[in-house]
């Protein structure tokens, strides 16, 4: 994985992990194409590649013919698919650069037969920055929390703090005005909210421990590495830290 990380860093690429449930190729493609892992779109994309009479993959080891799938997706959606592997970059389809000029580029990574989606780091940082602004507004206008900069901004309005004092207080080491802590934190890729993957890990942690189960009626849980009974699911232990 270190080798793959080095390759991705070299090309200024950020890797967004997707669930390891056998549909990772289709989830990664769907995320790159639609900007989100829409469940119905994931299965729609999967059915484009996998005949209806065949079962969908249930684990990543089933990706033995992934090149065939990728070519079908590239032609169907008129995109160029670039796959970053552990030791090299595989431009799967189409190979001719002339044929790619009018195509959208989809970037994926492949490691141990598992696919994740890749984004340009600048694109992700812009998303994270936008996301942080939204959360900052929620913290300030909806949730009763205040950041130090926001509090001092109000202090300026109330005459309790001068602008010069404000700049001196929040000036960084390079003499630039410091950005709000939550905004700075959101620029770090690890803090970008990857909801689908977090939910999958959350449900998987429950599925791995069948010691305590509860009847949940007909509620379905997706993205487990093994099928989960729709009638049973693990109870959350509130005492667990």
C-alpha atoms as a PDB file:
ATOM      1  CA  UNK A   1       0.000   0.000   0.000  1.00  0.00           C
ATOM      2  CA  UNK A   2       2.951   2.303   0.639  1.00  0.00           C
ATOM      3  CA  UNK A   3       3.959   2.016  -3.004  1.00  0.00           C
ATOM      4  CA  UNK A   4       0.453   2.938  -4.127  1.00  0.00           C
ATOM      5  CA  UNK A   5       0.408   5.880  -1.725  1.00  0.00           C
ATOM      6  CA  UNK A   6       3.682   7.101  -3.210  1.00  0.00           C
ATOM      7  CA  UNK A   7       2.248   6.927  -6.720  1.00  0.00           C
ATOM      8  CA  UNK A   8      -0.881   8.807  -5.689  1.00  0.00           C
ATOM      9  CA  UNK A   9       1.137  11.515  -3.936  1.00  0.00           C
ATOM     10  CA  UNK A  10       3.309  11.912  -7.018  1.00  0.00           C
ATOM     11  CA  UNK A  11       0.247  12.669  -9.128  1.00  0.00           C
ATOM     12  CA  UNK A  12      -1.391  14.825  -6.426  1.00  0.00           C
ATOM     13  CA  UNK A  13      -4.203  12.284  -6.040  1.00  0.00           C
ATOM     14  CA  UNK A  14      -6.391  11.728  -2.983  1.00  0.00           C
ATOM     15  CA  UNK A  15      -7.856   8.263  -2.425  1.00  0.00           C
ATOM     16  CA  UNK A  16     -11.413   7.929  -1.145  1.00  0.00           C
ATOM     17  CA  UNK A  17     -12.049   4.381   0.156  1.00  0.00           C
ATOM     18  CA  UNK A  18     -15.267   2.565  -0.669  1.00  0.00           C
ATOM     19  CA  UNK A  19     -16.802  -0.496   1.043  1.00  0.00           C
ATOM     20  CA  UNK A  20     -15.149  -3.860   0.387  1.00  0.00           C
ATOM     21  CA  UNK A  21     -18.371  -5.652  -0.437  1.00  0.00           C
ATOM     22  CA  UNK A  22     -17.734  -7.007  -3.933  1.00  0.00           C
ATOM     23  CA  UNK A  23     -19.403  -3.984  -5.537  1.00  0.00           C
ATOM     24  CA  UNK A  24     -16.385  -1.743  -4.949  1.00  0.00           C
ATOM     25  CA  UNK A  25     -15.635  -1.310  -8.677  1.00  0.00           C
ATOM     26  CA  UNK A  26     -19.182  -0.161  -9.339  1.00  0.00           C
ATOM     27  CA  UNK A  27     -19.316   1.970  -6.185  1.00  0.00           C
ATOM     28  CA  UNK A  28     -16.037   3.693  -7.074  1.00  0.00           C
ATOM     29  CA  UNK A  29     -17.154   4.321 -10.645  1.00  0.00           C
ATOM     30  CA  UNK A  30     -20.536   5.611  -9.453  1.00  0.00           C
ATOM     31  CA  UNK A  31     -18.877   7.950  -6.943  1.00  0.00           C
ATOM     32  CA  UNK A  32     -16.531   9.340  -9.586  1.00  0.00           C
ATOM     33  CA  UNK A  33     -19.277   9.736 -12.193  1.00  0.00           C
ATOM     34  CA  UNK A  34     -22.180  10.986 -10.066  1.00  0.00           C
ATOM     35  CA  UNK A  35     -20.229  12.439  -7.141  1.00  0.00           C
ATOM     36  CA  UNK A  36     -21.957  10.087  -4.719  1.00  0.00           C
ATOM     37  CA  UNK A  37     -22.527   6.382  -4.162  1.00  0.00           C
ATOM     38  CA  UNK A  38     -26.237   6.373  -4.916  1.00  0.00           C
ATOM     39  CA  UNK A  39     -27.411   2.871  -4.104  1.00  0.00           C
ATOM     40  CA  UNK A  40     -29.777   2.538  -7.050  1.00  0.00           C
ATOM     41  CA  UNK A  41     -27.111   3.892  -9.416  1.00  0.00           C
ATOM     42  CA  UNK A  42     -24.533   1.433  -8.069  1.00  0.00           C
ATOM     43  CA  UNK A  43     -26.768  -1.517  -8.920  1.00  0.00           C
ATOM     44  CA  UNK A  44     -27.733   0.054 -12.239  1.00  0.00           C
ATOM     45  CA  UNK A  45     -24.056   0.334 -13.189  1.00  0.00           C
ATOM     46  CA  UNK A  46     -23.410  -3.207 -11.980  1.00  0.00           C
ATOM     47  CA  UNK A  47     -26.213  -4.566 -14.152  1.00  0.00           C
ATOM     48  CA  UNK A  48     -24.714  -2.873 -17.201  1.00  0.00           C
ATOM     49  CA  UNK A  49     -21.671  -5.125 -16.786  1.00  0.00           C
ATOM     50  CA  UNK A  50     -23.108  -8.226 -15.159  1.00  0.00           C
ATOM     51  CA  UNK A  51     -25.899 -10.080 -17.000  1.00  0.00           C
ATOM     52  CA  UNK A  52     -29.174 -10.180 -15.106  1.00  0.00           C
ATOM     53  CA  UNK A  53     -29.066 -13.969 -14.874  1.00  0.00           C
ATOM     54  CA  UNK A  54     -25.682 -13.854 -13.106  1.00  0.00           C
ATOM     55  CA  UNK A  55     -25.325 -12.993  -9.396  1.00  0.00           C
ATOM     56  CA  UNK A  56     -23.501  -9.800  -8.472  1.00  0.00           C
ATOM     57  CA  UNK A  57     -20.078 -10.193  -6.805  1.00  0.00           C
ATOM     58  CA  UNK A  58     -20.212 -10.634  -3.036  1.00  0.00           C
ATOM     59  CA  UNK A  59     -16.531  -9.992  -2.344  1.00  0.00           C
ATOM     60  CA  UNK A  60     -13.592  -8.287  -4.013  1.00  0.00           C
ATOM     61  CA  UNK A  61     -11.975 -11.587  -4.979  1.00  0.00           C
ATOM     62  CA  UNK A  62     -14.590 -11.841  -7.711  1.00  0.00           C
ATOM     63  CA  UNK A  63     -12.934  -9.086  -9.748  1.00  0.00           C
ATOM     64  CA  UNK A  64     -11.047 -11.462 -12.019  1.00  0.00           C
ATOM     65  CA  UNK A  65     -12.517  -9.936 -15.189  1.00  0.00           C
ATOM     66  CA  UNK A  66     -12.506  -6.296 -14.088  1.00  0.00           C
ATOM     67  CA  UNK A  67     -10.877  -5.110 -17.346  1.00  0.00           C
ATOM     68  CA  UNK A  68     -13.887  -6.390 -19.256  1.00  0.00           C
ATOM     69  CA  UNK A  69     -16.200  -4.509 -16.873  1.00  0.00           C
ATOM     70  CA  UNK A  70     -14.161  -1.304 -17.136  1.00  0.00           C
ATOM     71  CA  UNK A  71     -14.233  -1.343 -20.937  1.00  0.00           C
ATOM     72  CA  UNK A  72     -18.006  -1.771 -20.914  1.00  0.00           C
ATOM     73  CA  UNK A  73     -18.400   1.163 -18.512  1.00  0.00           C
ATOM     74  CA  UNK A  74     -15.992   3.365 -20.476  1.00  0.00           C
ATOM     75  CA  UNK A  75     -17.920   2.809 -23.702  1.00  0.00           C
ATOM     76  CA  UNK A  76     -21.369   3.071 -22.139  1.00  0.00           C
ATOM     77  CA  UNK A  77     -20.674   6.338 -20.274  1.00  0.00           C
ATOM     78  CA  UNK A  78     -18.194   7.754 -22.832  1.00  0.00           C
ATOM     79  CA  UNK A  79     -15.400   8.181 -20.294  1.00  0.00           C
ATOM     80  CA  UNK A  80     -11.727   7.373 -20.046  1.00  0.00           C
ATOM     81  CA  UNK A  81     -10.883   5.198 -17.044  1.00  0.00           C
ATOM     82  CA  UNK A  82      -7.422   5.450 -15.495  1.00  0.00           C
ATOM     83  CA  UNK A  83      -6.549   2.897 -12.823  1.00  0.00           C
ATOM     84  CA  UNK A  84      -3.657   3.427 -10.412  1.00  0.00           C
ATOM     85  CA  UNK A  85      -2.260   0.066  -9.348  1.00  0.00           C
ATOM     86  CA  UNK A  86       0.431  -0.830  -6.831  1.00  0.00           C
ATOM     87  CA  UNK A  87       3.361  -0.713  -9.242  1.00  0.00           C
ATOM     88  CA  UNK A  88       2.141   1.194 -12.292  1.00  0.00           C
ATOM     89  CA  UNK A  89      -0.654   3.173 -13.890  1.00  0.00           C
ATOM     90  CA  UNK A  90      -3.051   1.257 -16.092  1.00  0.00           C
ATOM     91  CA  UNK A  91      -4.990   3.294 -18.619  1.00  0.00           C
ATOM     92  CA  UNK A  92      -7.594   0.661 -19.303  1.00  0.00           C
ATOM     93  CA  UNK A  93      -9.839   2.238 -21.924  1.00  0.00           C
ATOM     94  CA  UNK A  94      -9.545   3.797 -24.396  1.00  0.00           C
ATOM     95  CA  UNK A  95      -5.805   3.555 -24.922  1.00  0.00           C
ATOM     96  CA  UNK A  96      -5.616   6.112 -27.739  1.00  0.00           C
ATOM     97  CA  UNK A  97      -5.181   9.642 -26.403  1.00  0.00           C
ATOM     98  CA  UNK A  98      -6.957  11.072 -29.462  1.00  0.00           C
ATOM     99  CA  UNK A  99     -10.078   9.170 -28.501  1.00  0.00           C
ATOM    100  CA  UNK A 100      -9.962  10.644 -24.996  1.00  0.00           C
ATOM    101  CA  UNK A 101     -10.092  14.349 -25.833  1.00  0.00           C
ATOM    102  CA  UNK A 102     -13.863  14.596 -25.537  1.00  0.00           C
ATOM    103  CA  UNK A 103     -14.191  12.101 -22.702  1.00  0.00           C
ATOM    104  CA  UNK A 104     -14.508  12.680 -19.007  1.00  0.00           C
ATOM    105  CA  UNK A 105     -11.698  11.067 -16.992  1.00  0.00           C
ATOM    106  CA  UNK A 106     -12.584   8.618 -14.217  1.00  0.00           C
ATOM    107  CA  UNK A 107      -9.746   7.748 -11.815  1.00  0.00           C
ATOM    108  CA  UNK A 108      -9.753   4.569  -9.745  1.00  0.00           C
ATOM    109  CA  UNK A 109      -7.166   2.687  -7.702  1.00  0.00           C
ATOM    110  CA  UNK A 110      -6.657  -1.063  -7.539  1.00  0.00           C
ATOM    111  CA  UNK A 111      -4.987  -2.844  -4.620  1.00  0.00           C
ATOM    112  CA  UNK A 112      -5.397  -6.556  -3.843  1.00  0.00           C
ATOM    113  CA  UNK A 113      -8.384  -6.789  -6.192  1.00  0.00           C
ATOM    114  CA  UNK A 114     -10.172  -3.970  -4.354  1.00  0.00           C
ATOM    115  CA  UNK A 115     -11.136  -0.693  -6.034  1.00  0.00           C
ATOM    116  CA  UNK A 116     -11.275   2.776  -4.490  1.00  0.00           C
ATOM    117  CA  UNK A 117     -12.079   6.086  -6.143  1.00  0.00           C
ATOM    118  CA  UNK A 118      -9.419   8.755  -6.738  1.00  0.00           C
ATOM    119  CA  UNK A 119      -9.815  12.518  -6.955  1.00  0.00           C
ATOM    120  CA  UNK A 120      -7.418  15.340  -7.681  1.00  0.00           C
ATOM    121  CA  UNK A 121      -6.299  16.723  -4.337  1.00  0.00           C
ATOM    122  CA  UNK A 122      -7.175  20.301  -5.311  1.00  0.00           C
ATOM    123  CA  UNK A 123     -10.738  19.202  -6.062  1.00  0.00           C
ATOM    124  CA  UNK A 124     -11.070  17.478  -2.690  1.00  0.00           C
ATOM    125  CA  UNK A 125      -9.600  20.434  -0.807  1.00  0.00           C
ATOM    126  CA  UNK A 126     -12.138  22.722  -2.464  1.00  0.00           C
ATOM    127  CA  UNK A 127     -14.913  20.336  -1.426  1.00  0.00           C
ATOM    128  CA  UNK A 128     -13.557  20.193   2.120  1.00  0.00           C
ATOM    129  CA  UNK A 129     -13.257  23.970   2.288  1.00  0.00           C
ATOM    130  CA  UNK A 130     -16.837  24.399   1.057  1.00  0.00           C
ATOM    131  CA  UNK A 131     -18.007  21.755   3.489  1.00  0.00           C
ATOM    132  CA  UNK A 132     -16.213  23.471   6.358  1.00  0.00           C
ATOM    133  CA  UNK A 133     -17.883  26.789   5.533  1.00  0.00           C
ATOM    134  CA  UNK A 134     -21.292  25.107   5.629  1.00  0.00           C
ATOM    135  CA  UNK A 135     -20.518  23.554   9.005  1.00  0.00           C
ATOM    136  CA  UNK A 136     -19.097  26.834  10.262  1.00  0.00           C
ATOM    137  CA  UNK A 137     -22.364  28.558   9.376  1.00  0.00           C
ATOM    138  CA  UNK A 138     -24.295  25.793  11.111  1.00  0.00           C
ATOM    139  CA  UNK A 139     -22.150  26.175  14.226  1.00  0.00           C
ATOM    140  CA  UNK A 140     -22.623  29.936  14.243  1.00  0.00           C
ATOM    141  CA  UNK A 141     -26.252  30.326  13.155  1.00  0.00           C
ATOM    142  CA  UNK A 142     -27.982  27.048  14.050  1.00  0.00           C
ATOM    143  CA  UNK A 143     -26.000  25.146  16.673  1.00  0.00           C
ATOM    144  CA  UNK A 144     -25.167  27.223  19.782  1.00  0.00           C
ATOM    145  CA  UNK A 145     -21.394  26.975  19.383  1.00  0.00           C
ATOM    146  CA  UNK A 146     -18.943  29.778  18.689  1.00  0.00           C
ATOM    147  CA  UNK A 147     -15.406  29.744  17.350  1.00  0.00           C
ATOM    148  CA  UNK A 148     -12.788  32.103  18.854  1.00  0.00           C
ATOM    149  CA  UNK A 149     -12.642  34.165  15.668  1.00  0.00           C
ATOM    150  CA  UNK A 150     -16.428  34.477  15.547  1.00  0.00           C
ATOM    151  CA  UNK A 151     -16.529  35.542  19.205  1.00  0.00           C
ATOM    152  CA  UNK A 152     -13.831  38.152  18.627  1.00  0.00           C
ATOM    153  CA  UNK A 153     -15.654  39.407  15.529  1.00  0.00           C
ATOM    154  CA  UNK A 154     -18.671  40.107  17.713  1.00  0.00           C
ATOM    155  CA  UNK A 155     -16.366  41.729  20.262  1.00  0.00           C
ATOM    156  CA  UNK A 156     -15.191  44.154  17.571  1.00  0.00           C
ATOM    157  CA  UNK A 157     -18.793  45.000  16.736  1.00  0.00           C
ATOM    158  CA  UNK A 158     -19.492  45.659  20.419  1.00  0.00           C
ATOM    159  CA  UNK A 159     -16.413  47.846  20.793  1.00  0.00           C
ATOM    160  CA  UNK A 160     -14.735  45.434  23.196  1.00  0.00           C
ATOM    161  CA  UNK A 161     -11.859  44.693  20.801  1.00  0.00           C
ATOM    162  CA  UNK A 162     -10.107  46.771  18.168  1.00  0.00           C
ATOM    163  CA  UNK A 163      -9.313  45.536  14.676  1.00  0.00           C
ATOM    164  CA  UNK A 164      -5.588  45.843  15.412  1.00  0.00           C
ATOM    165  CA  UNK A 165      -5.956  43.703  18.524  1.00  0.00           C
ATOM    166  CA  UNK A 166      -7.962  41.166  16.535  1.00  0.00           C
ATOM    167  CA  UNK A 167      -5.243  40.823  13.883  1.00  0.00           C
ATOM    168  CA  UNK A 168      -2.491  40.513  16.475  1.00  0.00           C
ATOM    169  CA  UNK A 169      -4.435  37.862  18.375  1.00  0.00           C
ATOM    170  CA  UNK A 170      -5.159  35.685  15.344  1.00  0.00           C
ATOM    171  CA  UNK A 171      -1.998  36.319  13.322  1.00  0.00           C
ATOM    172  CA  UNK A 172      -0.135  33.165  12.304  1.00  0.00           C
ATOM    173  CA  UNK A 173       3.628  32.686  12.232  1.00  0.00           C
ATOM    174  CA  UNK A 174       3.818  33.842   8.597  1.00  0.00           C
ATOM    175  CA  UNK A 175       1.901  37.049   9.444  1.00  0.00           C
ATOM    176  CA  UNK A 176      -1.264  35.859   7.715  1.00  0.00           C
ATOM    177  CA  UNK A 177      -4.593  35.993   9.480  1.00  0.00           C
ATOM    178  CA  UNK A 178      -5.313  32.554  10.901  1.00  0.00           C
ATOM    179  CA  UNK A 179      -8.316  30.750   9.475  1.00  0.00           C
ATOM    180  CA  UNK A 180     -10.898  29.324  11.822  1.00  0.00           C
ATOM    181  CA  UNK A 181      -9.700  26.054  13.371  1.00  0.00           C
ATOM    182  CA  UNK A 182     -12.604  24.047  11.989  1.00  0.00           C
ATOM    183  CA  UNK A 183     -11.924  25.329   8.477  1.00  0.00           C
ATOM    184  CA  UNK A 184      -8.229  24.450   8.710  1.00  0.00           C
ATOM    185  CA  UNK A 185      -9.060  21.003  10.071  1.00  0.00           C
ATOM    186  CA  UNK A 186     -11.483  20.346   7.218  1.00  0.00           C
ATOM    187  CA  UNK A 187      -8.724  20.959   4.665  1.00  0.00           C
ATOM    188  CA  UNK A 188      -7.018  17.779   5.875  1.00  0.00           C
ATOM    189  CA  UNK A 189      -8.244  14.883   3.675  1.00  0.00           C
ATOM    190  CA  UNK A 190      -8.679  12.593   6.685  1.00  0.00           C
ATOM    191  CA  UNK A 191     -11.332  14.935   8.040  1.00  0.00           C
ATOM    192  CA  UNK A 192     -13.369  14.984   4.842  1.00  0.00           C
ATOM    193  CA  UNK A 193     -16.645  13.250   5.660  1.00  0.00           C
ATOM    194  CA  UNK A 194     -16.773  10.003   3.686  1.00  0.00           C
ATOM    195  CA  UNK A 195     -20.258   9.049   4.818  1.00  0.00           C
ATOM    196  CA  UNK A 196     -20.759   5.852   2.794  1.00  0.00           C
ATOM    197  CA  UNK A 197     -17.492   4.282   3.943  1.00  0.00           C
ATOM    198  CA  UNK A 198     -18.030   5.289   7.582  1.00  0.00           C
ATOM    199  CA  UNK A 199     -21.517   3.785   7.559  1.00  0.00           C
ATOM    200  CA  UNK A 200     -20.239   0.568   5.987  1.00  0.00           C
ATOM    201  CA  UNK A 201     -17.544   0.203   8.667  1.00  0.00           C
ATOM    202  CA  UNK A 202     -20.123   0.999  11.341  1.00  0.00           C
ATOM    203  CA  UNK A 203     -22.471  -1.741  10.163  1.00  0.00           C
ATOM    204  CA  UNK A 204     -19.613  -4.168   9.555  1.00  0.00           C
ATOM    205  CA  UNK A 205     -18.432  -3.820  13.147  1.00  0.00           C
ATOM    206  CA  UNK A 206     -21.881  -4.913  14.254  1.00  0.00           C
ATOM    207  CA  UNK A 207     -22.032  -7.825  11.822  1.00  0.00           C
ATOM    208  CA  UNK A 208     -18.674  -9.184  13.020  1.00  0.00           C
ATOM    209  CA  UNK A 209     -19.987  -9.763  16.531  1.00  0.00           C
ATOM    210  CA  UNK A 210     -23.165 -11.864  16.602  1.00  0.00           C
ATOM    211  CA  UNK A 211     -23.159 -12.129  20.410  1.00  0.00           C
ATOM    212  CA  UNK A 212     -26.090  -9.739  20.869  1.00  0.00           C
ATOM    213  CA  UNK A 213     -28.849  -9.597  18.270  1.00  0.00           C
ATOM    214  CA  UNK A 214     -32.157  -7.804  18.089  1.00  0.00           C
ATOM    215  CA  UNK A 215     -35.198  -8.128  15.830  1.00  0.00           C
ATOM    216  CA  UNK A 216     -35.415  -5.115  13.530  1.00  0.00           C
ATOM    217  CA  UNK A 217     -38.327  -6.212  11.385  1.00  0.00           C
ATOM    218  CA  UNK A 218     -37.790  -5.767   7.669  1.00  0.00           C
ATOM    219  CA  UNK A 219     -35.033  -3.175   7.886  1.00  0.00           C
ATOM    220  CA  UNK A 220     -32.134  -3.918   5.522  1.00  0.00           C
ATOM    221  CA  UNK A 221     -28.453  -3.242   6.157  1.00  0.00           C
ATOM    222  CA  UNK A 222     -26.141  -2.848   3.173  1.00  0.00           C
ATOM    223  CA  UNK A 223     -22.427  -3.173   2.519  1.00  0.00           C
ATOM    224  CA  UNK A 224     -21.570  -6.035   4.852  1.00  0.00           C
ATOM    225  CA  UNK A 225     -18.782  -8.350   3.771  1.00  0.00           C
ATOM    226  CA  UNK A 226     -21.168 -11.269   4.346  1.00  0.00           C
ATOM    227  CA  UNK A 227     -24.967 -11.376   4.047  1.00  0.00           C
ATOM    228  CA  UNK A 228     -26.760 -10.198   7.189  1.00  0.00           C
ATOM    229  CA  UNK A 229     -30.159 -11.521   8.200  1.00  0.00           C
ATOM    230  CA  UNK A 230     -32.757  -8.789   7.722  1.00  0.00           C
ATOM    231  CA  UNK A 231     -34.393  -9.993  10.925  1.00  0.00           C
ATOM    232  CA  UNK A 232     -31.411  -9.665  13.232  1.00  0.00           C
ATOM    233  CA  UNK A 233     -28.693  -7.165  13.954  1.00  0.00           C
ATOM    234  CA  UNK A 234     -26.322  -6.500  16.793  1.00  0.00           C
ATOM    235  CA  UNK A 235     -27.420  -4.195  19.617  1.00  0.00           C
ATOM    236  CA  UNK A 236     -25.224  -1.175  20.279  1.00  0.00           C
ATOM    237  CA  UNK A 237     -23.542  -1.453  23.657  1.00  0.00           C
ATOM    238  CA  UNK A 238     -23.855   2.023  25.135  1.00  0.00           C
ATOM    239  CA  UNK A 239     -21.292   1.197  27.812  1.00  0.00           C
ATOM    240  CA  UNK A 240     -18.614   0.463  25.254  1.00  0.00           C
ATOM    241  CA  UNK A 241     -16.128   3.296  24.828  1.00  0.00           C
END
